[in-house]
Amino acid sequence: MIISISVFGFISSDLENQKIVEENIHGRILVDDIANTINQVNSNIGHFQEIEIPNNISGKYFVINIKQNEVILSFGGKKTESTIFSIQMISIEENHIADIKLYPSEKYI
């Protein structure tokens, strides 16, 4: 009986670790895709692309912040970031802004 409890605990722990790895991979891919898209647009004058943000990562809510030289993804108490070429961010009113938030289920150009 002790052996079966230990095996069950090991299997449960292994499944939880697999879920954490899956979340980390999905988050890492998303933040890298956004950073690559920003770098492509920044490198080609007059070029634009649409970024479509998914509604969740493995069922968890998340927020993306774009700063002058990095994209930061925050979800489930974790953060992952990807470096981008340095950019100047300006509002519609032509004011410099420090960061931009991207939200789930939205599209951005």
C-alpha atoms as a PDB file:
ATOM      1  CA  MET A   1       0.000   0.000   0.000  1.00  0.00           C
ATOM      2  CA  ILE A   2       2.848   2.401   0.793  1.00  0.00           C
ATOM      3  CA  ILE A   3       4.369   1.684  -2.606  1.00  0.00           C
ATOM      4  CA  SER A   4       1.109   2.468  -4.424  1.00  0.00           C
ATOM      5  CA  ILE A   5       0.727   5.781  -2.542  1.00  0.00           C
ATOM      6  CA  SER A   6       4.303   6.719  -3.452  1.00  0.00           C
ATOM      7  CA  VAL A   7       3.744   5.828  -7.113  1.00  0.00           C
ATOM      8  CA  PHE A   8       0.502   7.842  -7.197  1.00  0.00           C
ATOM      9  CA  GLY A   9       2.284  10.832  -5.628  1.00  0.00           C
ATOM     10  CA  PHE A  10       5.067  10.562  -8.196  1.00  0.00           C
ATOM     11  CA  ILE A  11       2.585  10.387 -11.108  1.00  0.00           C
ATOM     12  CA  SER A  12       0.618  13.389  -9.782  1.00  0.00           C
ATOM     13  CA  SER A  13       3.816  15.382  -9.356  1.00  0.00           C
ATOM     14  CA  ASP A  14       4.979  14.420 -12.856  1.00  0.00           C
ATOM     15  CA  LEU A  15       1.663  15.525 -14.407  1.00  0.00           C
ATOM     16  CA  GLU A  16       1.833  18.870 -12.576  1.00  0.00           C
ATOM     17  CA  ASN A  17       5.409  19.408 -13.776  1.00  0.00           C
ATOM     18  CA  GLN A  18       4.316  18.635 -17.348  1.00  0.00           C
ATOM     19  CA  LYS A  19       1.540  21.247 -17.081  1.00  0.00           C
ATOM     20  CA  ILE A  20       4.015  23.865 -15.783  1.00  0.00           C
ATOM     21  CA  VAL A  21       6.418  23.122 -18.639  1.00  0.00           C
ATOM     22  CA  GLU A  22       3.548  23.408 -21.149  1.00  0.00           C
ATOM     23  CA  GLU A  23       2.500  26.799 -19.712  1.00  0.00           C
ATOM     24  CA  ASN A  24       6.083  28.030 -19.832  1.00  0.00           C
ATOM     25  CA  ILE A  25       6.485  26.905 -23.447  1.00  0.00           C
ATOM     26  CA  HIS A  26       3.242  28.574 -24.570  1.00  0.00           C
ATOM     27  CA  GLY A  27       4.189  31.794 -22.776  1.00  0.00           C
ATOM     28  CA  ARG A  28       7.739  31.735 -24.157  1.00  0.00           C
ATOM     29  CA  ILE A  29       6.510  31.162 -27.729  1.00  0.00           C
ATOM     30  CA  LEU A  30       3.972  33.996 -27.437  1.00  0.00           C
ATOM     31  CA  VAL A  31       6.441  36.558 -26.069  1.00  0.00           C
ATOM     32  CA  ASP A  32       9.070  35.578 -28.677  1.00  0.00           C
ATOM     33  CA  ASP A  33       6.520  35.823 -31.523  1.00  0.00           C
ATOM     34  CA  ILE A  34       5.494  39.317 -30.411  1.00  0.00           C
ATOM     35  CA  ALA A  35       9.136  40.428 -30.079  1.00  0.00           C
ATOM     36  CA  ASN A  36       9.977  39.050 -33.538  1.00  0.00           C
ATOM     37  CA  THR A  37       6.974  40.815 -35.082  1.00  0.00           C
ATOM     38  CA  ILE A  38       7.963  44.136 -33.482  1.00  0.00           C
ATOM     39  CA  ASN A  39      11.548  43.722 -34.724  1.00  0.00           C
ATOM     40  CA  GLN A  40      10.345  42.934 -38.269  1.00  0.00           C
ATOM     41  CA  VAL A  41       8.112  46.007 -38.356  1.00  0.00           C
ATOM     42  CA  ASN A  42      10.842  48.189 -36.839  1.00  0.00           C
ATOM     43  CA  SER A  43      13.326  47.026 -39.508  1.00  0.00           C
ATOM     44  CA  ASN A  44      11.132  47.797 -42.534  1.00  0.00           C
ATOM     45  CA  ILE A  45       9.896  51.352 -43.090  1.00  0.00           C
ATOM     46  CA  GLY A  46       6.191  51.396 -43.923  1.00  0.00           C
ATOM     47  CA  HIS A  47       5.790  47.731 -42.962  1.00  0.00           C
ATOM     48  CA  PHE A  48       3.090  46.626 -40.528  1.00  0.00           C
ATOM     49  CA  GLN A  49       1.739  43.341 -39.211  1.00  0.00           C
ATOM     50  CA  GLU A  50      -1.245  42.366 -37.133  1.00  0.00           C
ATOM     51  CA  ILE A  51      -0.652  40.717 -33.766  1.00  0.00           C
ATOM     52  CA  GLU A  52      -3.521  38.618 -32.436  1.00  0.00           C
ATOM     53  CA  ILE A  53      -3.322  37.913 -28.719  1.00  0.00           C
ATOM     54  CA  PRO A  54      -4.894  34.626 -27.498  1.00  0.00           C
ATOM     55  CA  ASN A  55      -7.527  34.768 -24.760  1.00  0.00           C
ATOM     56  CA  ASN A  56      -5.437  32.764 -22.229  1.00  0.00           C
ATOM     57  CA  ILE A  57      -2.332  30.650 -21.711  1.00  0.00           C
ATOM     58  CA  SER A  58      -3.286  27.165 -20.517  1.00  0.00           C
ATOM     59  CA  GLY A  59      -6.490  28.634 -19.081  1.00  0.00           C
ATOM     60  CA  LYS A  60      -4.715  31.440 -17.206  1.00  0.00           C
ATOM     61  CA  TYR A  61      -5.135  35.193 -17.641  1.00  0.00           C
ATOM     62  CA  PHE A  62      -2.014  37.124 -18.639  1.00  0.00           C
ATOM     63  CA  VAL A  63      -0.797  40.633 -19.480  1.00  0.00           C
ATOM     64  CA  ILE A  64       1.886  41.706 -21.942  1.00  0.00           C
ATOM     65  CA  ASN A  65       3.922  44.884 -21.420  1.00  0.00           C
ATOM     66  CA  ILE A  66       6.011  46.333 -24.213  1.00  0.00           C
ATOM     67  CA  LYS A  67       8.822  48.595 -23.075  1.00  0.00           C
ATOM     68  CA  GLN A  68      11.512  50.429 -25.026  1.00  0.00           C
ATOM     69  CA  ASN A  69      13.716  47.347 -25.426  1.00  0.00           C
ATOM     70  CA  GLU A  70      11.742  44.336 -24.177  1.00  0.00           C
ATOM     71  CA  VAL A  71       8.447  42.488 -24.214  1.00  0.00           C
ATOM     72  CA  ILE A  72       7.342  41.138 -20.820  1.00  0.00           C
ATOM     73  CA  LEU A  73       4.661  38.495 -20.324  1.00  0.00           C
ATOM     74  CA  SER A  74       3.183  38.101 -16.820  1.00  0.00           C
ATOM     75  CA  PHE A  75       0.909  35.187 -15.903  1.00  0.00           C
ATOM     76  CA  GLY A  76       0.322  32.895 -12.962  1.00  0.00           C
ATOM     77  CA  GLY A  77       2.823  34.782 -10.793  1.00  0.00           C
ATOM     78  CA  LYS A  78       5.564  34.268 -13.385  1.00  0.00           C
ATOM     79  CA  LYS A  79       7.287  36.537 -15.873  1.00  0.00           C
ATOM     80  CA  THR A  80       9.096  35.851 -19.096  1.00  0.00           C
ATOM     81  CA  GLU A  81      10.686  38.438 -21.329  1.00  0.00           C
ATOM     82  CA  SER A  82      12.177  38.808 -24.770  1.00  0.00           C
ATOM     83  CA  THR A  83      14.525  41.557 -25.942  1.00  0.00           C
ATOM     84  CA  ILE A  84      13.611  43.769 -28.903  1.00  0.00           C
ATOM     85  CA  PHE A  85      15.460  46.440 -30.838  1.00  0.00           C
ATOM     86  CA  SER A  86      15.196  49.731 -28.968  1.00  0.00           C
ATOM     87  CA  ILE A  87      12.058  51.608 -30.048  1.00  0.00           C
ATOM     88  CA  GLN A  88      10.487  54.978 -29.288  1.00  0.00           C
ATOM     89  CA  MET A  89       6.850  54.641 -28.269  1.00  0.00           C
ATOM     90  CA  ILE A  90       4.619  57.632 -28.877  1.00  0.00           C
ATOM     91  CA  SER A  91       0.922  58.090 -28.116  1.00  0.00           C
ATOM     92  CA  ILE A  92      -1.655  59.462 -30.553  1.00  0.00           C
ATOM     93  CA  GLU A  93      -1.092  62.851 -28.898  1.00  0.00           C
ATOM     94  CA  GLU A  94       2.630  62.484 -29.783  1.00  0.00           C
ATOM     95  CA  ASN A  95       3.729  62.111 -26.149  1.00  0.00           C
ATOM     96  CA  HIS A  96       6.501  59.651 -25.297  1.00  0.00           C
ATOM     97  CA  ILE A  97       5.238  56.706 -23.300  1.00  0.00           C
ATOM     98  CA  ALA A  98       7.227  54.248 -21.165  1.00  0.00           C
ATOM     99  CA  ASP A  99       5.225  51.095 -21.858  1.00  0.00           C
ATOM    100  CA  ILE A 100       2.208  49.697 -23.631  1.00  0.00           C
ATOM    101  CA  LYS A 101      -0.047  46.938 -22.295  1.00  0.00           C
ATOM    102  CA  LEU A 102      -1.498  44.314 -24.631  1.00  0.00           C
ATOM    103  CA  TYR A 103      -4.541  42.408 -23.430  1.00  0.00           C
ATOM    104  CA  PRO A 104      -5.853  38.905 -24.171  1.00  0.00           C
ATOM    105  CA  SER A 105      -8.353  38.386 -27.019  1.00  0.00           C
ATOM    106  CA  GLU A 106      -7.338  41.609 -28.784  1.00  0.00           C
ATOM    107  CA  LYS A 107      -5.739  42.381 -32.143  1.00  0.00           C
ATOM    108  CA  TYR A 108      -3.059  45.016 -32.594  1.00  0.00           C
ATOM    109  CA  ILE A 109      -1.440  46.559 -35.686  1.00  0.00           C
END
